[in-house]
Amino acid sequence: MTSKPLIGIEGTVIKAFAISRNYSQIQNSCIIQEFQKMLV
């Protein structure tokens, strides 16, 4: 992880990853896959 602040989509993905991880690892995996589809 770099120390520079994340902005825009990248920052949103990181936040969503951290938040969803607290609820469910399975759900988290699905969310990350959806973000990856959006970013490609």
N, C-alpha and C. Protein backbone atom coordinates (compact mmCIF):
# COMPACT_ATOMS: atom_id res chain seq x y z
N MET A 1 0.83 -1.20 0.00
CA MET A 1 0.00 0.00 0.00
C MET A 1 0.88 1.26 0.00
N THR A 2 0.57 2.17 -0.88
CA THR A 2 1.30 3.43 -0.92
C THR A 2 0.70 4.41 0.08
N SER A 3 1.46 5.42 0.44
CA SER A 3 0.98 6.39 1.43
C SER A 3 0.19 7.51 0.79
N LYS A 4 0.25 7.60 -0.53
CA LYS A 4 -0.48 8.68 -1.21
C LYS A 4 -1.99 8.46 -1.10
N PRO A 5 -2.78 9.53 -0.98
CA PRO A 5 -4.23 9.41 -0.85
C PRO A 5 -4.87 8.87 -2.12
N LEU A 6 -5.85 8.01 -1.94
CA LEU A 6 -6.57 7.46 -3.08
C LEU A 6 -7.76 8.34 -3.40
N ILE A 7 -8.01 8.54 -4.69
CA ILE A 7 -9.11 9.42 -5.09
C ILE A 7 -10.01 8.72 -6.10
N GLY A 8 -11.23 9.21 -6.24
CA GLY A 8 -12.15 8.72 -7.28
C GLY A 8 -12.49 7.25 -7.13
N ILE A 9 -12.55 6.55 -8.28
CA ILE A 9 -12.96 5.14 -8.33
C ILE A 9 -12.06 4.28 -7.45
N GLU A 10 -10.76 4.48 -7.56
CA GLU A 10 -9.81 3.65 -6.81
C GLU A 10 -10.07 3.73 -5.31
N GLY A 11 -10.25 4.95 -4.80
CA GLY A 11 -10.53 5.13 -3.38
C GLY A 11 -11.84 4.47 -2.98
N THR A 12 -12.85 4.58 -3.83
CA THR A 12 -14.17 3.99 -3.57
C THR A 12 -14.07 2.48 -3.47
N VAL A 13 -13.30 1.88 -4.38
CA VAL A 13 -13.13 0.42 -4.38
C VAL A 13 -12.45 -0.03 -3.09
N ILE A 14 -11.41 0.68 -2.69
CA ILE A 14 -10.69 0.33 -1.46
C ILE A 14 -11.62 0.42 -0.25
N LYS A 15 -12.43 1.46 -0.18
CA LYS A 15 -13.37 1.63 0.93
C LYS A 15 -14.40 0.51 0.93
N ALA A 16 -14.95 0.21 -0.24
CA ALA A 16 -15.96 -0.84 -0.36
C ALA A 16 -15.37 -2.19 0.05
N PHE A 17 -14.13 -2.42 -0.34
CA PHE A 17 -13.44 -3.66 0.00
C PHE A 17 -13.31 -3.79 1.52
N ALA A 18 -12.87 -2.73 2.17
CA ALA A 18 -12.66 -2.75 3.62
C ALA A 18 -13.98 -2.93 4.36
N ILE A 19 -15.02 -2.22 3.92
CA ILE A 19 -16.33 -2.28 4.57
C ILE A 19 -16.97 -3.66 4.39
N SER A 20 -17.01 -4.14 3.16
CA SER A 20 -17.68 -5.41 2.88
C SER A 20 -16.96 -6.57 3.56
N ARG A 21 -15.64 -6.45 3.71
CA ARG A 21 -14.85 -7.50 4.34
C ARG A 21 -15.32 -7.74 5.78
N ASN A 22 -15.83 -6.70 6.41
CA ASN A 22 -16.29 -6.81 7.79
C ASN A 22 -17.57 -7.65 7.90
N TYR A 23 -18.32 -7.76 6.82
CA TYR A 23 -19.60 -8.47 6.85
C TYR A 23 -19.47 -9.93 6.42
N SER A 24 -18.86 -10.16 5.27
CA SER A 24 -18.81 -11.52 4.75
C SER A 24 -17.70 -11.67 3.72
N GLN A 25 -16.84 -12.66 3.91
CA GLN A 25 -15.75 -12.91 2.95
C GLN A 25 -16.31 -13.32 1.60
N ILE A 26 -17.37 -14.12 1.60
CA ILE A 26 -17.98 -14.57 0.34
C ILE A 26 -18.59 -13.39 -0.39
N GLN A 27 -19.37 -12.60 0.32
CA GLN A 27 -19.99 -11.41 -0.26
C GLN A 27 -18.91 -10.46 -0.78
N ASN A 28 -17.83 -10.33 0.00
CA ASN A 28 -16.71 -9.46 -0.37
C ASN A 28 -16.13 -9.87 -1.71
N SER A 29 -15.93 -11.16 -1.91
CA SER A 29 -15.37 -11.66 -3.17
C SER A 29 -16.26 -11.28 -4.34
N CYS A 30 -17.57 -11.40 -4.16
CA CYS A 30 -18.51 -11.05 -5.23
C CYS A 30 -18.44 -9.57 -5.55
N ILE A 31 -18.35 -8.74 -4.52
CA ILE A 31 -18.29 -7.29 -4.72
C ILE A 31 -17.03 -6.91 -5.47
N ILE A 32 -15.89 -7.48 -5.08
CA ILE A 32 -14.63 -7.16 -5.75
C ILE A 32 -14.67 -7.58 -7.21
N GLN A 33 -15.26 -8.74 -7.50
CA GLN A 33 -15.37 -9.21 -8.88
C GLN A 33 -16.20 -8.23 -9.70
N GLU A 34 -17.28 -7.71 -9.12
CA GLU A 34 -18.12 -6.75 -9.82
C GLU A 34 -17.35 -5.46 -10.11
N PHE A 35 -16.56 -4.99 -9.14
CA PHE A 35 -15.75 -3.79 -9.35
C PHE A 35 -14.72 -4.02 -10.45
N GLN A 36 -14.11 -5.22 -10.46
CA GLN A 36 -13.11 -5.53 -11.47
C GLN A 36 -13.74 -5.50 -12.86
N LYS A 37 -14.96 -5.99 -12.99
CA LYS A 37 -15.67 -5.96 -14.28
C LYS A 37 -15.88 -4.51 -14.73
N MET A 38 -16.24 -3.64 -13.76
CA MET A 38 -16.49 -2.24 -14.07
C MET A 38 -15.21 -1.53 -14.52
N LEU A 39 -14.09 -1.88 -13.90
CA LEU A 39 -12.83 -1.18 -14.15
C LEU A 39 -12.15 -1.65 -15.44
N VAL A 40 -12.48 -2.83 -15.90
CA VAL A 40 -11.83 -3.36 -17.11
C VAL A 40 -12.34 -2.61 -18.33
